[in-house]
Amino acid sequence: MSALLGAAHRAVEAVEEERPRADVAPNDTGNFTLQRSRRPARQPARRRLQGAGLAAAVVATAALLGCADALTHPMDKAMVLKFYNLTRGDEWREGYRWTRGVLTDLDPCDDAEFFKGLSCTGVYGDPDRRATKILLSSMGLNGTLPDDIGNFTMLEELLLTQNNVSGPLPSSLCQMQHLNTVDLAFNRISGTIPSCINEVRRLYKFDLRTNMLEGTIPKGFGSLQELQQLYLSENQLTGTVPPELYNAKMLSVLFISYNQLTGTIPRLFARFRMKETPSMQGLSWLDMRSNQLEGTFPAVIGDFGAV
């Protein structure tokens, strides 16, 4: 950057030398008069214009490079760093490139080779790029998710399966209006599922099997009209199976086995159709085994896989 600015300065000086200058000099009477200074023969106008254009181009290039330090949106850059620190990024499996990128303050979106698993909007060189995917499964993450993870407002996919992530699922997740996939299976997530989950309107897949979740299954899942896969098996969930799940019309996979659910299977579940083709709406897999459910299965449920 300093070299470019120096070149710009020299180019501007070269243009300035082409301008006429006035000098003060004594005349024969001892008085001072204003005289035009002598200078080399006037250069062609075309060369002068080329010099001025060069100066402007160098200054413009320097200005653009000066902005390149913030190609990733400031909020997302701060969140990437916070996520790295909270999950002990310096201990990740094959995380040495991330560590080098963080320590040398590289740009998370434009220096993608150092931030494996991170995808962003736009292309190289675009300003204010936003994180869209964090795909870091089986990387040895160990720690908690940021409480304000919802500041990743453009994030679409969060895949952190088979790590050692612990702590609660932040309620700020509900702010992520572009989020369609949450896959934190095989971790140590505890606490409850945020009751505001119905606000994540584009949610397609929600997979938190084999964690340490407690509390009930939020009925808000039933209002998600793009939800197709819901995996909550092997947790410590209690309460009843929400009949509102039937209202999630695109739901094709429902795994809630190996919990502590009680009560009876909702009568509405008898209305589920068996999904026979990829384009057809209906359930293809329903797993409710190893709970404390009572009563009899609706007749139609016997047709589904993994009951």
Protein backbone atom coordinates (compact mmCIF):
# COMPACT_ATOMS: atom_id res chain seq x y z
CA MET A 1 0.00 0.00 0.00
CA SER A 2 2.79 2.47 0.91
CA ALA A 3 4.51 1.77 -2.41
CA LEU A 4 1.31 2.52 -4.31
CA LEU A 5 0.75 5.74 -2.42
CA GLY A 6 4.35 6.75 -3.12
CA ALA A 7 3.85 6.09 -6.81
CA ALA A 8 0.68 8.14 -6.76
CA HIS A 9 2.50 11.01 -5.09
CA ARG A 10 5.32 10.94 -7.67
CA ALA A 11 2.82 10.83 -10.52
CA VAL A 12 0.99 13.84 -9.16
CA GLU A 13 4.31 15.71 -8.75
CA ALA A 14 5.13 14.96 -12.37
CA VAL A 15 1.88 16.55 -13.45
CA GLU A 16 2.46 19.54 -11.18
CA GLU A 17 5.81 20.19 -12.86
CA GLU A 18 3.97 20.87 -16.12
CA ARG A 19 2.14 23.83 -14.62
CA PRO A 20 3.74 27.31 -15.06
CA ARG A 21 5.29 28.78 -11.89
CA ALA A 22 5.98 32.38 -10.91
CA ASP A 23 9.21 33.51 -9.20
CA VAL A 24 10.02 36.77 -7.41
CA ALA A 25 13.29 38.42 -8.62
CA PRO A 26 14.90 41.95 -8.20
CA ASN A 27 14.97 44.27 -11.26
CA ASP A 28 17.52 46.98 -12.22
CA THR A 29 15.97 49.53 -9.88
CA GLY A 30 16.21 47.27 -6.88
CA ASN A 31 12.51 46.57 -6.79
CA PHE A 32 11.08 43.10 -6.98
CA THR A 33 8.98 41.96 -9.88
CA LEU A 34 7.03 38.81 -10.61
CA GLN A 35 8.70 36.77 -13.34
CA ARG A 36 7.67 33.64 -15.13
CA SER A 37 10.15 30.86 -14.34
CA ARG A 38 11.98 29.16 -17.13
CA ARG A 39 11.18 25.52 -17.72
CA PRO A 40 11.93 22.91 -20.36
CA ALA A 41 10.13 23.01 -23.66
CA ARG A 42 6.43 22.40 -23.29
CA GLN A 43 5.53 18.71 -23.58
CA PRO A 44 2.75 17.63 -25.90
CA ALA A 45 -0.71 17.86 -24.41
CA ARG A 46 -1.26 14.13 -24.91
CA ARG A 47 1.68 13.27 -22.62
CA ARG A 48 0.44 15.67 -19.97
CA LEU A 49 -2.97 14.08 -20.07
CA GLN A 50 -1.43 10.62 -19.84
CA GLY A 51 0.48 11.68 -16.75
CA ALA A 52 -2.64 13.04 -15.12
CA GLY A 53 -4.51 9.83 -15.98
CA LEU A 54 -1.73 7.73 -14.47
CA ALA A 55 -1.86 9.70 -11.26
CA ALA A 56 -5.63 9.33 -11.02
CA ALA A 57 -5.45 5.59 -11.76
CA VAL A 58 -2.79 4.95 -9.12
CA VAL A 59 -4.69 6.94 -6.50
CA ALA A 60 -7.92 5.09 -7.35
CA THR A 61 -6.17 1.71 -7.12
CA ALA A 62 -4.68 2.62 -3.77
CA ALA A 63 -8.09 3.68 -2.51
CA LEU A 64 -9.65 0.41 -3.62
CA LEU A 65 -6.94 -1.64 -1.97
CA GLY A 66 -7.38 0.40 1.17
CA CYS A 67 -10.98 -0.83 1.31
CA ALA A 68 -10.00 -4.46 0.74
CA ASP A 69 -9.27 -4.92 4.43
CA ALA A 70 -13.02 -5.17 5.11
CA LEU A 71 -14.40 -7.37 2.33
CA THR A 72 -16.27 -9.58 4.80
CA HIS A 73 -19.09 -7.71 6.51
CA PRO A 74 -17.73 -6.44 9.88
CA MET A 75 -20.45 -8.23 11.86
CA ASP A 76 -19.81 -11.56 10.17
CA LYS A 77 -16.04 -11.20 10.52
CA ALA A 78 -16.45 -10.58 14.25
CA MET A 79 -18.80 -13.57 14.57
CA VAL A 80 -16.38 -15.88 12.71
CA LEU A 81 -13.64 -14.93 15.15
CA LYS A 82 -15.96 -15.41 18.14
CA PHE A 83 -17.11 -18.80 16.88
CA TYR A 84 -13.47 -19.87 16.38
CA ASN A 85 -12.51 -18.83 19.91
CA LEU A 86 -15.54 -20.33 21.69
CA THR A 87 -15.02 -23.72 20.00
CA ARG A 88 -11.25 -23.70 20.63
CA GLY A 89 -10.26 -23.33 17.03
CA ASP A 90 -6.56 -23.74 17.74
CA GLU A 91 -7.34 -27.35 18.78
CA TRP A 92 -9.52 -28.30 15.80
CA ARG A 93 -8.61 -31.32 13.75
CA GLU A 94 -6.82 -30.00 10.65
CA GLY A 95 -7.57 -26.49 11.86
CA TYR A 96 -4.06 -25.09 11.37
CA ARG A 97 -5.16 -23.10 8.32
CA TRP A 98 -7.97 -21.47 10.29
CA THR A 99 -5.48 -20.63 13.03
CA ARG A 100 -3.07 -19.09 10.55
CA GLY A 101 -5.89 -17.10 8.97
CA VAL A 102 -7.07 -15.79 12.34
CA LEU A 103 -3.60 -14.94 13.64
CA THR A 104 -2.64 -13.06 10.46
CA ASP A 105 -6.01 -11.28 10.26
CA LEU A 106 -6.90 -12.64 6.82
CA ASP A 107 -10.32 -12.00 5.34
CA PRO A 108 -12.66 -14.96 6.11
CA CYS A 109 -14.62 -14.75 2.85
CA ASP A 110 -11.91 -13.73 0.37
CA ASP A 111 -9.11 -15.88 1.82
CA ALA A 112 -11.23 -19.02 1.58
CA GLU A 113 -8.28 -21.41 1.45
CA PHE A 114 -7.57 -20.55 5.10
CA PHE A 115 -11.20 -20.86 6.26
CA LYS A 116 -12.24 -24.33 5.11
CA GLY A 117 -15.95 -24.98 5.57
CA LEU A 118 -17.02 -21.32 5.39
CA SER A 119 -19.02 -20.12 2.37
CA CYS A 120 -20.09 -16.55 1.67
CA THR A 121 -22.24 -14.45 -0.62
CA GLY A 122 -20.71 -12.80 -3.67
CA VAL A 123 -17.34 -13.49 -5.28
CA TYR A 124 -13.72 -12.61 -4.59
CA GLY A 125 -13.26 -8.87 -4.18
CA ASP A 126 -16.91 -8.02 -3.50
CA PRO A 127 -17.48 -5.74 -0.48
CA ASP A 128 -19.62 -6.68 2.54
CA ARG A 129 -19.72 -10.40 1.87
CA ARG A 130 -21.89 -12.41 4.27
CA ALA A 131 -21.44 -15.93 5.65
CA THR A 132 -23.96 -18.40 4.20
CA LYS A 133 -22.64 -21.82 5.28
CA ILE A 134 -20.58 -23.18 8.17
CA LEU A 135 -19.76 -26.82 7.42
CA LEU A 136 -17.38 -28.15 10.08
CA SER A 137 -18.48 -31.72 10.83
CA SER A 138 -15.99 -34.08 12.49
CA MET A 139 -13.45 -31.29 13.02
CA GLY A 140 -12.94 -31.71 16.76
CA LEU A 141 -14.84 -28.58 17.81
CA ASN A 142 -14.94 -28.37 21.59
CA GLY A 143 -16.85 -25.62 23.36
CA THR A 144 -20.10 -23.71 23.04
CA LEU A 145 -21.97 -21.84 20.35
CA PRO A 146 -22.03 -18.01 20.54
CA ASP A 147 -25.08 -16.69 22.37
CA ASP A 148 -25.50 -14.16 19.57
CA ILE A 149 -25.10 -16.65 16.72
CA GLY A 150 -28.21 -15.03 15.25
CA ASN A 151 -25.93 -12.21 14.06
CA PHE A 152 -25.10 -14.53 11.16
CA THR A 153 -28.25 -13.10 9.58
CA MET A 154 -27.60 -14.53 6.10
CA LEU A 155 -26.56 -18.02 7.22
CA GLU A 156 -28.36 -20.84 5.41
CA GLU A 157 -26.64 -23.98 6.67
CA LEU A 158 -25.05 -24.83 10.02
CA LEU A 159 -23.50 -28.33 9.97
CA LEU A 160 -21.43 -29.28 13.00
CA THR A 161 -22.13 -33.00 13.34
CA GLN A 162 -19.88 -35.37 15.29
CA ASN A 163 -18.03 -32.81 17.36
CA ASN A 164 -17.96 -32.05 21.07
CA VAL A 165 -20.07 -28.88 21.09
CA SER A 166 -21.82 -28.38 24.42
CA GLY A 167 -24.08 -25.89 26.14
CA PRO A 168 -27.54 -24.73 25.08
CA LEU A 169 -28.90 -24.04 21.63
CA PRO A 170 -29.00 -20.19 21.58
CA SER A 171 -32.43 -18.62 21.22
CA SER A 172 -30.89 -16.04 18.86
CA LEU A 173 -31.01 -18.85 16.29
CA CYS A 174 -34.60 -17.73 15.71
CA GLN A 175 -33.33 -14.49 14.15
CA MET A 176 -31.78 -16.35 11.22
CA GLN A 177 -34.46 -15.94 8.60
CA HIS A 178 -32.42 -17.57 5.81
CA LEU A 179 -31.53 -20.68 7.82
CA ASN A 180 -32.73 -23.91 6.21
CA THR A 181 -30.46 -26.58 7.75
CA VAL A 182 -29.40 -27.09 11.37
CA ASP A 183 -27.39 -30.29 11.85
CA LEU A 184 -25.75 -30.64 15.26
CA ALA A 185 -26.20 -34.39 15.62
CA PHE A 186 -23.77 -36.33 17.83
CA ASN A 187 -22.66 -33.50 20.11
CA ARG A 188 -23.40 -32.58 23.73
CA ILE A 189 -26.01 -29.84 23.25
CA SER A 190 -28.06 -29.43 26.42
CA GLY A 191 -30.98 -27.34 27.61
CA THR A 192 -34.22 -26.95 25.69
CA ILE A 193 -35.15 -26.36 22.07
CA PRO A 194 -35.99 -22.63 21.75
CA SER A 195 -39.75 -22.12 21.77
CA CYS A 196 -39.34 -19.49 19.06
CA ILE A 197 -38.22 -22.12 16.53
CA ASN A 198 -41.41 -21.42 14.56
CA GLU A 199 -39.84 -18.09 13.51
CA VAL A 200 -37.20 -19.85 11.37
CA ARG A 201 -39.58 -19.99 8.44
CA ARG A 202 -37.24 -21.55 5.89
CA LEU A 203 -36.14 -24.44 8.09
CA TYR A 204 -35.91 -27.62 6.01
CA LYS A 205 -33.86 -29.95 8.23
CA PHE A 206 -33.44 -29.89 12.01
CA ASP A 207 -31.16 -32.64 13.29
CA LEU A 208 -30.15 -32.77 16.96
CA ARG A 209 -30.13 -36.52 17.53
CA THR A 210 -27.81 -37.98 20.12
CA ASN A 211 -27.41 -34.91 22.30
CA MET A 212 -28.54 -34.02 25.82
CA LEU A 213 -31.68 -31.99 25.12
CA GLU A 214 -34.34 -31.70 27.82
CA GLY A 215 -37.83 -30.26 28.00
CA THR A 216 -40.61 -30.72 25.48
CA ILE A 217 -40.85 -30.76 21.70
CA PRO A 218 -42.04 -27.26 20.70
CA LYS A 219 -45.39 -27.30 18.94
CA GLY A 220 -44.03 -24.49 16.75
CA PHE A 221 -42.40 -27.09 14.51
CA GLY A 222 -45.90 -27.71 13.15
CA SER A 223 -46.10 -24.21 11.66
CA LEU A 224 -42.95 -24.63 9.55
CA GLN A 225 -44.28 -25.28 6.07
CA GLU A 226 -40.87 -26.09 4.56
CA LEU A 227 -39.78 -28.52 7.29
CA GLN A 228 -39.14 -31.98 5.83
CA GLN A 229 -36.77 -33.69 8.27
CA LEU A 230 -36.98 -33.56 12.08
CA TYR A 231 -34.50 -35.70 14.02
CA LEU A 232 -34.70 -35.57 17.84
CA SER A 233 -33.89 -39.18 18.78
CA GLU A 234 -31.62 -40.12 21.68
CA ASN A 235 -32.09 -37.11 23.92
CA GLN A 236 -33.88 -36.61 27.23
CA LEU A 237 -37.05 -35.02 25.93
CA THR A 238 -40.20 -35.27 28.04
CA GLY A 239 -43.86 -34.42 27.68
CA THR A 240 -46.22 -35.53 24.94
CA VAL A 241 -45.91 -35.76 21.18
CA PRO A 242 -47.35 -32.44 19.87
CA PRO A 243 -50.34 -33.10 17.57
CA GLU A 244 -49.39 -29.83 15.80
CA LEU A 245 -46.60 -31.73 14.01
CA TYR A 246 -49.26 -32.97 11.64
CA ASN A 247 -49.61 -29.40 10.33
CA ALA A 248 -46.06 -29.45 8.93
CA LYS A 249 -47.36 -30.58 5.54
CA MET A 250 -43.92 -31.19 3.98
CA LEU A 251 -42.71 -33.38 6.85
CA SER A 252 -41.42 -36.72 5.53
CA VAL A 253 -39.03 -37.88 8.30
CA LEU A 254 -39.85 -37.77 12.03
CA PHE A 255 -37.40 -39.39 14.46
CA ILE A 256 -38.27 -38.93 18.15
CA SER A 257 -37.20 -42.34 19.50
CA TYR A 258 -35.17 -43.03 22.66
CA ASN A 259 -36.52 -40.16 24.74
CA GLN A 260 -38.84 -40.00 27.73
CA LEU A 261 -42.02 -39.00 25.93
CA THR A 262 -45.33 -39.94 27.53
CA GLY A 263 -49.02 -39.93 26.69
CA THR A 264 -50.62 -41.31 23.58
CA ILE A 265 -49.83 -40.94 19.90
CA PRO A 266 -51.92 -38.03 18.58
CA ARG A 267 -55.05 -39.13 16.73
CA LEU A 268 -54.18 -36.68 13.95
CA PHE A 269 -51.23 -38.89 13.04
CA ALA A 270 -53.73 -41.38 11.60
CA ARG A 271 -54.21 -38.86 8.77
CA PHE A 272 -50.58 -39.02 7.68
CA ARG A 273 -50.18 -40.48 4.23
CA MET A 274 -47.32 -42.79 3.39
CA LYS A 275 -44.86 -41.10 1.03
CA GLU A 276 -44.60 -43.37 -2.00
CA THR A 277 -42.77 -41.12 -4.50
CA PRO A 278 -40.22 -38.28 -4.03
CA SER A 279 -42.73 -35.69 -5.26
CA MET A 280 -45.53 -36.93 -3.04
CA GLN A 281 -46.28 -35.34 0.34
CA GLY A 282 -46.39 -37.67 3.32
CA LEU A 283 -44.23 -39.56 5.81
CA SER A 284 -41.61 -42.03 4.68
CA TRP A 285 -39.99 -42.62 8.10
CA LEU A 286 -41.54 -42.39 11.55
CA ASP A 287 -39.52 -43.56 14.56
CA MET A 288 -41.12 -43.29 18.03
CA ARG A 289 -39.77 -46.42 19.72
CA SER A 290 -38.24 -46.59 23.22
CA ASN A 291 -40.43 -43.94 24.83
CA GLN A 292 -43.21 -44.26 27.41
CA LEU A 293 -46.09 -43.84 25.01
CA GLU A 294 -49.40 -45.54 25.76
CA GLY A 295 -52.36 -46.83 23.84
CA THR A 296 -52.46 -48.31 20.36
CA PHE A 297 -50.91 -47.12 17.13
CA PRO A 298 -53.26 -45.66 14.56
CA ALA A 299 -53.63 -48.29 11.85
CA VAL A 300 -51.88 -46.28 9.17
CA ILE A 301 -48.68 -45.97 11.21
CA GLY A 302 -47.91 -49.65 10.73
CA ASP A 303 -47.15 -48.93 7.06
CA PHE A 304 -44.26 -46.56 7.78
CA GLY A 305 -40.62 -47.56 8.10
CA ALA A 306 -38.85 -47.71 11.49
CA VAL A 307 -41.94 -47.46 13.70
